[in-house]
Amino acid sequence: MNLADCYRLLGLRTGASCDEIKASYRRLARQYHPDVNPGNQQQAKEKFIQLTDAYKFLMSQVPPDRETESSEPPIPAPAAGKVGVTEVPPVASPVEVKVTRKVPRIQRNPALTEAEQLLKQSSYEQLQQLLKYHRFPRAIALVEGLAQRIPKDPEVRQWQAITYQRWGRYLIDQKELDKARIYLKKALRTDPHNRSLWSEIERDFRRMEKIF
């Protein structure tokens, strides 16, 4: 069971907050508790166990809500008409991110339906906010769920790889090197032709070598 599955099981949108997870679990746990379903106790028990497992997994992965901004720049939206590699801005030194009210438009993929295009746009905006506040597990759940819904969109694949790389870099800062290595390699497998991403990940691996 992955993060996206857990969110769906609890009836939540991908990337829901800790408070939303707790509220949904309490509501569903009361609904499916075996004691309140005497006529269908076995099925209720199985559902109750699934809900509890999903809740525990999410709470172990999703950090408490906090408003600590990341110094990482946002994932860039490509210029209109530009097709190819999404650049990963260097983060050797803190970058001041200028906040504007206008949300950048993402590249329109003619192969997507209007509903898929709207989903992609809203997910991009939400992903930016999750990365901004270091909510990496929720960002990963969001982008993995989006990749399942829109599997052949190259931009979504690039966002997914960059999210893995940002999480890996954060784990290096936390000295969780084994876990960081897993996600950095995962980023490379997700978008293997992104030269800028390769360059950033090579820098991350060099940092890890210095820590060792």
Protein backbone atom coordinates (compact mmCIF):
# COMPACT_ATOMS: atom_id res chain seq x y z
CA MET A 1 0.00 0.00 0.00
CA ASN A 2 1.52 3.34 -1.07
CA LEU A 3 0.72 6.86 0.08
CA ALA A 4 -1.79 7.52 -2.68
CA ASP A 5 -3.67 4.30 -1.81
CA CYS A 6 -3.82 5.30 1.85
CA TYR A 7 -5.27 8.71 1.02
CA ARG A 8 -7.91 7.10 -1.22
CA LEU A 9 -8.83 4.53 1.43
CA LEU A 10 -9.49 7.32 3.92
CA GLY A 11 -11.55 9.21 1.34
CA LEU A 12 -9.05 12.08 1.13
CA ARG A 13 -7.44 14.00 -1.67
CA THR A 14 -3.77 13.28 -2.12
CA GLY A 15 -1.71 15.59 0.09
CA ALA A 16 -4.39 16.18 2.72
CA SER A 17 -3.19 17.70 5.99
CA CYS A 18 -2.57 15.85 9.26
CA ASP A 19 -5.73 17.32 10.76
CA GLU A 20 -7.77 16.12 7.78
CA ILE A 21 -6.26 12.63 8.06
CA LYS A 22 -7.13 12.42 11.76
CA ALA A 23 -10.68 13.71 11.24
CA SER A 24 -11.37 11.31 8.38
CA TYR A 25 -9.96 8.35 10.28
CA ARG A 26 -12.06 9.10 13.37
CA ARG A 27 -15.21 9.36 11.26
CA LEU A 28 -14.57 6.17 9.28
CA ALA A 29 -13.37 4.21 12.32
CA ARG A 30 -16.66 4.93 14.08
CA GLN A 31 -18.58 3.95 10.95
CA TYR A 32 -16.78 0.63 10.42
CA HIS A 33 -16.06 -0.42 14.00
CA PRO A 34 -17.14 -4.08 14.40
CA ASP A 35 -19.15 -3.26 17.53
CA VAL A 36 -21.51 -0.99 15.58
CA ASN A 37 -21.88 -3.48 12.72
CA PRO A 38 -23.17 -6.65 14.44
CA GLY A 39 -24.90 -7.87 11.29
CA ASN A 40 -21.75 -7.71 9.16
CA GLN A 41 -19.00 -7.91 11.75
CA GLN A 42 -16.33 -9.76 9.75
CA GLN A 43 -16.43 -7.38 6.78
CA ALA A 44 -16.50 -4.39 9.11
CA LYS A 45 -13.49 -5.77 10.99
CA GLU A 46 -11.48 -6.13 7.76
CA LYS A 47 -12.37 -2.59 6.71
CA PHE A 48 -11.53 -1.25 10.16
CA ILE A 49 -8.09 -2.91 10.04
CA GLN A 50 -7.42 -1.48 6.57
CA LEU A 51 -8.37 2.01 7.73
CA THR A 52 -6.18 1.73 10.82
CA ASP A 53 -3.19 0.49 8.81
CA ALA A 54 -3.64 3.32 6.29
CA TYR A 55 -3.93 5.88 9.10
CA LYS A 56 -0.81 4.63 10.88
CA PHE A 57 1.20 4.60 7.64
CA LEU A 58 0.16 8.14 6.70
CA MET A 59 0.91 9.49 10.16
CA SER A 60 4.37 7.90 10.03
CA GLN A 61 5.09 9.53 6.68
CA VAL A 62 3.36 12.91 6.79
CA PRO A 63 5.05 15.48 9.03
CA PRO A 64 2.92 17.68 11.31
CA ASP A 65 1.53 20.79 9.66
CA ARG A 66 4.00 23.59 9.93
CA GLU A 67 4.73 26.75 8.00
CA THR A 68 8.51 26.51 7.58
CA GLU A 69 9.35 27.75 4.12
CA SER A 70 11.90 25.99 1.97
CA SER A 71 14.77 27.96 0.45
CA GLU A 72 14.54 25.70 -2.60
CA PRO A 73 13.17 27.46 -5.70
CA PRO A 74 9.88 26.15 -7.04
CA ILE A 75 9.68 23.60 -9.84
CA PRO A 76 9.73 25.79 -12.95
CA ALA A 77 6.90 25.77 -15.44
CA PRO A 78 8.35 25.70 -18.97
CA ALA A 79 7.86 28.61 -21.30
CA ALA A 80 4.94 28.29 -23.68
CA GLY A 81 5.82 26.19 -26.68
CA LYS A 82 9.10 24.97 -25.23
CA VAL A 83 9.42 21.21 -25.24
CA GLY A 84 12.26 19.28 -23.67
CA VAL A 85 14.11 19.06 -20.39
CA THR A 86 12.80 20.89 -17.36
CA GLU A 87 15.70 22.75 -15.80
CA VAL A 88 16.43 22.18 -12.11
CA PRO A 89 17.72 25.46 -10.67
CA PRO A 90 20.96 25.16 -8.66
CA VAL A 91 20.59 25.56 -4.91
CA ALA A 92 24.21 25.93 -3.78
CA SER A 93 23.16 29.04 -1.86
CA PRO A 94 19.75 30.10 -0.54
CA VAL A 95 17.61 31.64 -3.24
CA GLU A 96 15.10 34.32 -2.45
CA VAL A 97 11.83 33.33 -4.09
CA LYS A 98 9.67 36.23 -5.12
CA VAL A 99 6.02 35.45 -4.44
CA THR A 100 3.52 36.68 -6.99
CA ARG A 101 -0.21 36.29 -7.12
CA LYS A 102 -0.22 35.00 -10.69
CA VAL A 103 0.26 31.24 -10.93
CA PRO A 104 2.32 30.27 -14.00
CA ARG A 105 0.52 28.33 -16.68
CA ILE A 106 1.94 24.93 -17.46
CA GLN A 107 2.50 23.58 -20.93
CA ARG A 108 -0.70 22.43 -22.58
CA ASN A 109 -0.61 18.83 -23.74
CA PRO A 110 -3.03 18.31 -26.66
CA ALA A 111 -3.27 14.60 -25.80
CA LEU A 112 -4.98 15.40 -22.48
CA THR A 113 -8.67 15.96 -21.94
CA GLU A 114 -9.83 19.25 -20.49
CA ALA A 115 -10.42 17.56 -17.13
CA GLU A 116 -6.89 16.10 -17.14
CA GLN A 117 -5.42 19.48 -18.05
CA LEU A 118 -7.24 21.14 -15.16
CA LEU A 119 -6.10 18.36 -12.81
CA LYS A 120 -2.53 18.85 -13.97
CA GLN A 121 -2.68 22.62 -13.41
CA SER A 122 -4.20 22.35 -9.93
CA SER A 123 -1.75 19.59 -8.95
CA TYR A 124 1.18 21.73 -10.09
CA GLU A 125 0.03 24.61 -7.90
CA GLN A 126 -0.44 22.30 -4.90
CA LEU A 127 2.92 20.63 -5.49
CA GLN A 128 4.68 23.99 -5.38
CA GLN A 129 3.18 24.73 -1.99
CA LEU A 130 4.05 21.32 -0.55
CA LEU A 131 7.69 21.65 -1.65
CA LYS A 132 7.83 25.22 -0.40
CA TYR A 133 7.02 24.06 3.13
CA HIS A 134 9.12 20.87 3.06
CA ARG A 135 6.10 18.55 3.06
CA PHE A 136 7.92 16.02 0.94
CA PRO A 137 5.95 12.80 1.69
CA ARG A 138 2.73 14.56 0.77
CA ALA A 139 4.36 16.03 -2.34
CA ILE A 140 5.49 12.55 -3.38
CA ALA A 141 2.02 11.12 -2.79
CA LEU A 142 0.51 13.92 -4.87
CA VAL A 143 2.86 13.57 -7.84
CA GLU A 144 2.75 9.76 -7.80
CA GLY A 145 -1.04 9.87 -7.83
CA LEU A 146 -0.94 12.37 -10.71
CA ALA A 147 1.48 10.14 -12.63
CA GLN A 148 -0.97 7.24 -12.26
CA ARG A 149 -3.79 9.40 -13.62
CA ILE A 150 -1.72 10.92 -16.46
CA PRO A 151 1.01 8.33 -17.07
CA LYS A 152 2.33 9.53 -20.44
CA ASP A 153 2.74 13.24 -19.77
CA PRO A 154 6.47 14.17 -19.88
CA GLU A 155 6.07 17.19 -17.61
CA VAL A 156 4.45 15.12 -14.86
CA ARG A 157 7.34 12.64 -15.09
CA GLN A 158 9.80 15.52 -14.72
CA TRP A 159 7.96 16.89 -11.69
CA GLN A 160 7.99 13.43 -10.14
CA ALA A 161 11.75 13.07 -10.63
CA ILE A 162 12.45 16.55 -9.26
CA THR A 163 10.29 15.85 -6.21
CA TYR A 164 12.27 12.67 -5.50
CA GLN A 165 15.50 14.63 -5.87
CA ARG A 166 14.34 17.40 -3.51
CA TRP A 167 13.37 14.79 -0.91
CA GLY A 168 16.72 13.07 -1.32
CA ARG A 169 18.55 16.34 -0.82
CA TYR A 170 16.54 17.07 2.32
CA LEU A 171 17.38 13.60 3.66
CA ILE A 172 21.07 14.32 3.14
CA ASP A 173 20.68 17.41 5.31
CA GLN A 174 19.06 15.18 7.94
CA LYS A 175 21.98 12.68 7.65
CA GLU A 176 19.61 9.91 6.49
CA LEU A 177 22.02 8.90 3.76
CA ASP A 178 20.74 5.41 2.90
CA LYS A 179 17.22 6.70 2.38
CA ALA A 180 18.55 9.71 0.46
CA ARG A 181 20.43 7.41 -1.92
CA ILE A 182 17.24 5.46 -2.65
CA TYR A 183 15.30 8.56 -3.66
CA LEU A 184 18.12 10.09 -5.69
CA LYS A 185 18.40 6.89 -7.71
CA LYS A 186 14.64 6.83 -8.05
CA ALA A 187 14.75 10.34 -9.50
CA LEU A 188 17.26 9.23 -12.14
CA ARG A 189 15.16 6.23 -13.11
CA THR A 190 12.04 8.37 -13.40
CA ASP A 191 13.54 10.96 -15.77
CA PRO A 192 16.82 9.49 -17.09
CA HIS A 193 17.26 11.96 -19.97
CA ASN A 194 17.14 15.15 -17.90
CA ARG A 195 20.75 16.36 -18.05
CA SER A 196 20.20 19.16 -15.57
CA LEU A 197 18.74 16.70 -13.08
CA TRP A 198 21.73 14.38 -13.50
CA SER A 199 24.04 17.32 -12.74
CA GLU A 200 22.18 18.18 -9.55
CA ILE A 201 22.12 14.58 -8.36
CA GLU A 202 25.84 14.18 -9.02
CA ARG A 203 26.34 17.19 -6.75
CA ASP A 204 24.16 15.54 -4.10
CA PHE A 205 26.17 12.31 -4.25
CA ARG A 206 29.42 14.28 -3.85
CA ARG A 207 27.96 15.89 -0.72
CA MET A 208 27.18 12.43 0.63
CA GLU A 209 30.75 11.29 0.03
CA LYS A 210 32.06 14.24 2.05
CA ILE A 211 29.73 13.35 4.93
CA PHE A 212 31.04 9.77 4.93
